[in-house]
Amino acid sequence: MVLKVLELLASSKVSWEDAAQQAVQQAAKSLYNIRSIYIKDHSAKVVDSKIVEYRVNAQITFALADADADAE
């Protein structure tokens, strides 16, 4: 098995956890076999002393399709 890592930036108006979930949901639209998400960093946008957006810098790990398995 070969795994690939893709780095993503995602945001949410709700929470960092929701931003991470948004990253996985969006990645799942074009990637298959997602195995894990690693949050490298998180930050927030502040307006008028209030957090208005939560942001994550994440790495999504997914398995590459096995060409030999597809041939069988």
N, C-alpha and C. Protein backbone atom coordinates (compact mmCIF):
# COMPACT_ATOMS: atom_id res chain seq x y z
N MET A 1 0.84 -1.17 0.00
CA MET A 1 0.00 0.00 0.00
C MET A 1 0.89 1.24 0.00
N VAL A 2 0.46 2.22 -0.78
CA VAL A 2 1.16 3.49 -0.84
C VAL A 2 0.19 4.57 -0.37
N LEU A 3 0.66 5.43 0.55
CA LEU A 3 -0.15 6.52 1.06
C LEU A 3 0.39 7.85 0.55
N LYS A 4 -0.51 8.79 0.33
CA LYS A 4 -0.12 10.13 -0.11
C LYS A 4 -0.68 11.13 0.89
N VAL A 5 0.03 12.23 1.08
CA VAL A 5 -0.39 13.28 2.00
C VAL A 5 -0.65 14.55 1.21
N LEU A 6 -1.80 15.15 1.47
CA LEU A 6 -2.20 16.39 0.80
C LEU A 6 -2.43 17.46 1.86
N GLU A 7 -1.85 18.62 1.67
CA GLU A 7 -2.02 19.70 2.65
C GLU A 7 -3.17 20.59 2.23
N LEU A 8 -4.05 20.91 3.19
CA LEU A 8 -5.24 21.72 2.93
C LEU A 8 -5.38 22.83 3.96
N LEU A 9 -6.04 23.88 3.57
CA LEU A 9 -6.45 24.94 4.48
C LEU A 9 -7.97 24.94 4.48
N ALA A 10 -8.59 24.97 5.65
CA ALA A 10 -10.04 24.98 5.73
C ALA A 10 -10.48 25.94 6.81
N SER A 11 -11.73 26.41 6.69
CA SER A 11 -12.24 27.35 7.69
C SER A 11 -13.69 27.06 8.03
N SER A 12 -14.12 27.60 9.16
CA SER A 12 -15.49 27.44 9.63
C SER A 12 -15.85 28.62 10.51
N LYS A 13 -17.09 28.98 10.51
CA LYS A 13 -17.57 30.03 11.41
C LYS A 13 -17.97 29.44 12.76
N VAL A 14 -17.94 28.09 12.89
CA VAL A 14 -18.42 27.40 14.09
C VAL A 14 -17.29 27.06 15.06
N SER A 15 -16.26 26.30 14.57
CA SER A 15 -15.19 25.83 15.46
C SER A 15 -14.03 25.27 14.64
N TRP A 16 -12.91 25.00 15.35
CA TRP A 16 -11.78 24.35 14.68
C TRP A 16 -12.15 22.93 14.29
N GLU A 17 -12.91 22.25 15.14
CA GLU A 17 -13.34 20.89 14.82
C GLU A 17 -14.18 20.87 13.55
N ASP A 18 -15.07 21.85 13.41
CA ASP A 18 -15.89 21.93 12.20
C ASP A 18 -15.03 22.25 10.98
N ALA A 19 -14.02 23.08 11.14
CA ALA A 19 -13.11 23.38 10.03
C ALA A 19 -12.40 22.10 9.58
N ALA A 20 -11.97 21.27 10.54
CA ALA A 20 -11.33 20.00 10.20
C ALA A 20 -12.32 19.09 9.46
N GLN A 21 -13.57 19.04 9.93
CA GLN A 21 -14.59 18.23 9.27
C GLN A 21 -14.85 18.73 7.86
N GLN A 22 -14.85 20.05 7.67
CA GLN A 22 -15.04 20.63 6.34
C GLN A 22 -13.90 20.20 5.41
N ALA A 23 -12.69 20.17 5.92
CA ALA A 23 -11.54 19.74 5.12
C ALA A 23 -11.73 18.30 4.65
N VAL A 24 -12.15 17.42 5.56
CA VAL A 24 -12.35 16.01 5.20
C VAL A 24 -13.50 15.87 4.20
N GLN A 25 -14.61 16.56 4.44
CA GLN A 25 -15.76 16.46 3.54
C GLN A 25 -15.44 16.95 2.14
N GLN A 26 -14.73 18.06 2.05
CA GLN A 26 -14.37 18.57 0.72
C GLN A 26 -13.37 17.66 0.02
N ALA A 27 -12.39 17.16 0.77
CA ALA A 27 -11.39 16.26 0.18
C ALA A 27 -12.05 14.98 -0.31
N ALA A 28 -13.05 14.49 0.42
CA ALA A 28 -13.72 13.24 0.07
C ALA A 28 -14.49 13.35 -1.25
N LYS A 29 -14.74 14.55 -1.73
CA LYS A 29 -15.43 14.71 -3.00
C LYS A 29 -14.57 14.28 -4.18
N SER A 30 -13.24 14.34 -4.01
CA SER A 30 -12.36 13.96 -5.11
C SER A 30 -11.31 12.92 -4.73
N LEU A 31 -11.18 12.60 -3.44
CA LEU A 31 -10.22 11.61 -2.98
C LEU A 31 -10.95 10.41 -2.38
N TYR A 32 -10.40 9.24 -2.59
CA TYR A 32 -10.96 8.02 -2.00
C TYR A 32 -9.97 7.46 -1.00
N ASN A 33 -10.43 6.61 -0.13
CA ASN A 33 -9.57 5.92 0.84
C ASN A 33 -8.86 6.87 1.79
N ILE A 34 -9.55 7.92 2.26
CA ILE A 34 -8.95 8.83 3.23
C ILE A 34 -8.74 8.05 4.53
N ARG A 35 -7.52 8.11 5.05
CA ARG A 35 -7.14 7.34 6.25
C ARG A 35 -7.08 8.19 7.52
N SER A 36 -6.62 9.46 7.38
CA SER A 36 -6.47 10.27 8.59
C SER A 36 -6.35 11.74 8.23
N ILE A 37 -6.49 12.56 9.25
CA ILE A 37 -6.25 14.00 9.13
C ILE A 37 -5.34 14.40 10.29
N TYR A 38 -4.33 15.19 9.97
CA TYR A 38 -3.40 15.69 10.97
C TYR A 38 -3.50 17.22 10.94
N ILE A 39 -3.83 17.82 12.06
CA ILE A 39 -3.93 19.28 12.13
C ILE A 39 -2.54 19.83 12.46
N LYS A 40 -1.93 20.49 11.49
CA LYS A 40 -0.60 21.05 11.67
C LYS A 40 -0.66 22.34 12.48
N ASP A 41 -1.69 23.13 12.23
CA ASP A 41 -1.78 24.43 12.86
C ASP A 41 -3.23 24.89 12.84
N HIS A 42 -3.57 25.75 13.75
CA HIS A 42 -4.90 26.34 13.73
C HIS A 42 -4.79 27.81 14.13
N SER A 43 -5.70 28.60 13.58
CA SER A 43 -5.71 30.03 13.85
C SER A 43 -7.15 30.52 13.75
N ALA A 44 -7.35 31.78 14.03
CA ALA A 44 -8.69 32.34 13.96
C ALA A 44 -8.62 33.78 13.45
N LYS A 45 -9.66 34.16 12.73
CA LYS A 45 -9.80 35.54 12.27
C LYS A 45 -10.61 36.29 13.33
N VAL A 46 -10.14 37.47 13.72
CA VAL A 46 -10.80 38.26 14.76
C VAL A 46 -11.25 39.59 14.16
N VAL A 47 -12.51 39.93 14.46
CA VAL A 47 -13.07 41.22 14.06
C VAL A 47 -13.76 41.82 15.28
N ASP A 48 -13.44 43.04 15.60
CA ASP A 48 -14.04 43.72 16.76
C ASP A 48 -13.92 42.89 18.04
N SER A 49 -12.76 42.34 18.26
CA SER A 49 -12.46 41.54 19.46
C SER A 49 -13.26 40.24 19.57
N LYS A 50 -13.81 39.78 18.46
CA LYS A 50 -14.56 38.52 18.45
C LYS A 50 -14.03 37.60 17.36
N ILE A 51 -13.96 36.32 17.67
CA ILE A 51 -13.57 35.33 16.65
C ILE A 51 -14.73 35.18 15.68
N VAL A 52 -14.43 35.40 14.40
CA VAL A 52 -15.47 35.28 13.38
C VAL A 52 -15.22 34.11 12.42
N GLU A 53 -14.00 33.53 12.48
CA GLU A 53 -13.69 32.41 11.59
C GLU A 53 -12.56 31.59 12.20
N TYR A 54 -12.76 30.29 12.25
CA TYR A 54 -11.75 29.34 12.73
C TYR A 54 -11.07 28.72 11.52
N ARG A 55 -9.75 28.61 11.56
CA ARG A 55 -9.00 28.09 10.41
C ARG A 55 -8.06 26.97 10.85
N VAL A 56 -7.93 25.97 9.99
CA VAL A 56 -6.97 24.88 10.23
C VAL A 56 -6.10 24.69 9.01
N ASN A 57 -4.85 24.36 9.27
CA ASN A 57 -3.92 23.92 8.24
C ASN A 57 -3.77 22.43 8.51
N ALA A 58 -4.24 21.60 7.58
CA ALA A 58 -4.34 20.17 7.83
C ALA A 58 -3.65 19.35 6.75
N GLN A 59 -3.24 18.15 7.13
CA GLN A 59 -2.73 17.18 6.17
C GLN A 59 -3.70 16.01 6.15
N ILE A 60 -4.19 15.69 4.96
CA ILE A 60 -5.08 14.55 4.75
C ILE A 60 -4.23 13.42 4.17
N THR A 61 -4.31 12.26 4.78
CA THR A 61 -3.58 11.08 4.27
C THR A 61 -4.59 10.13 3.64
N PHE A 62 -4.25 9.67 2.42
CA PHE A 62 -5.14 8.74 1.73
C PHE A 62 -4.33 7.71 0.98
N ALA A 63 -4.94 6.55 0.74
CA ALA A 63 -4.27 5.45 0.04
C ALA A 63 -4.44 5.65 -1.46
N LEU A 64 -3.36 5.44 -2.19
CA LEU A 64 -3.43 5.48 -3.64
C LEU A 64 -4.03 4.18 -4.15
N ALA A 65 -4.74 4.27 -5.25
CA ALA A 65 -5.33 3.08 -5.86
C ALA A 65 -4.21 2.15 -6.30
N ASP A 66 -4.40 0.87 -6.10
CA ASP A 66 -3.44 -0.14 -6.50
C ASP A 66 -3.75 -0.57 -7.93
N ALA A 67 -2.89 -0.22 -8.89
CA ALA A 67 -3.12 -0.54 -10.28
C ALA A 67 -3.20 -2.05 -10.52
N ASP A 68 -2.41 -2.82 -9.77
CA ASP A 68 -2.44 -4.28 -9.90
C ASP A 68 -3.79 -4.84 -9.45
N ALA A 69 -4.35 -4.28 -8.39
CA ALA A 69 -5.64 -4.76 -7.88
C ALA A 69 -6.75 -4.44 -8.87
N ASP A 70 -6.64 -3.29 -9.57
CA ASP A 70 -7.66 -2.91 -10.54
C ASP A 70 -7.65 -3.83 -11.76
N ALA A 71 -6.49 -4.39 -12.09
CA ALA A 71 -6.36 -5.26 -13.26
C ALA A 71 -6.98 -6.62 -13.02
N GLU A 72 -7.11 -7.02 -11.75
CA GLU A 72 -7.63 -8.36 -11.44
C GLU A 72 -9.12 -8.43 -11.50
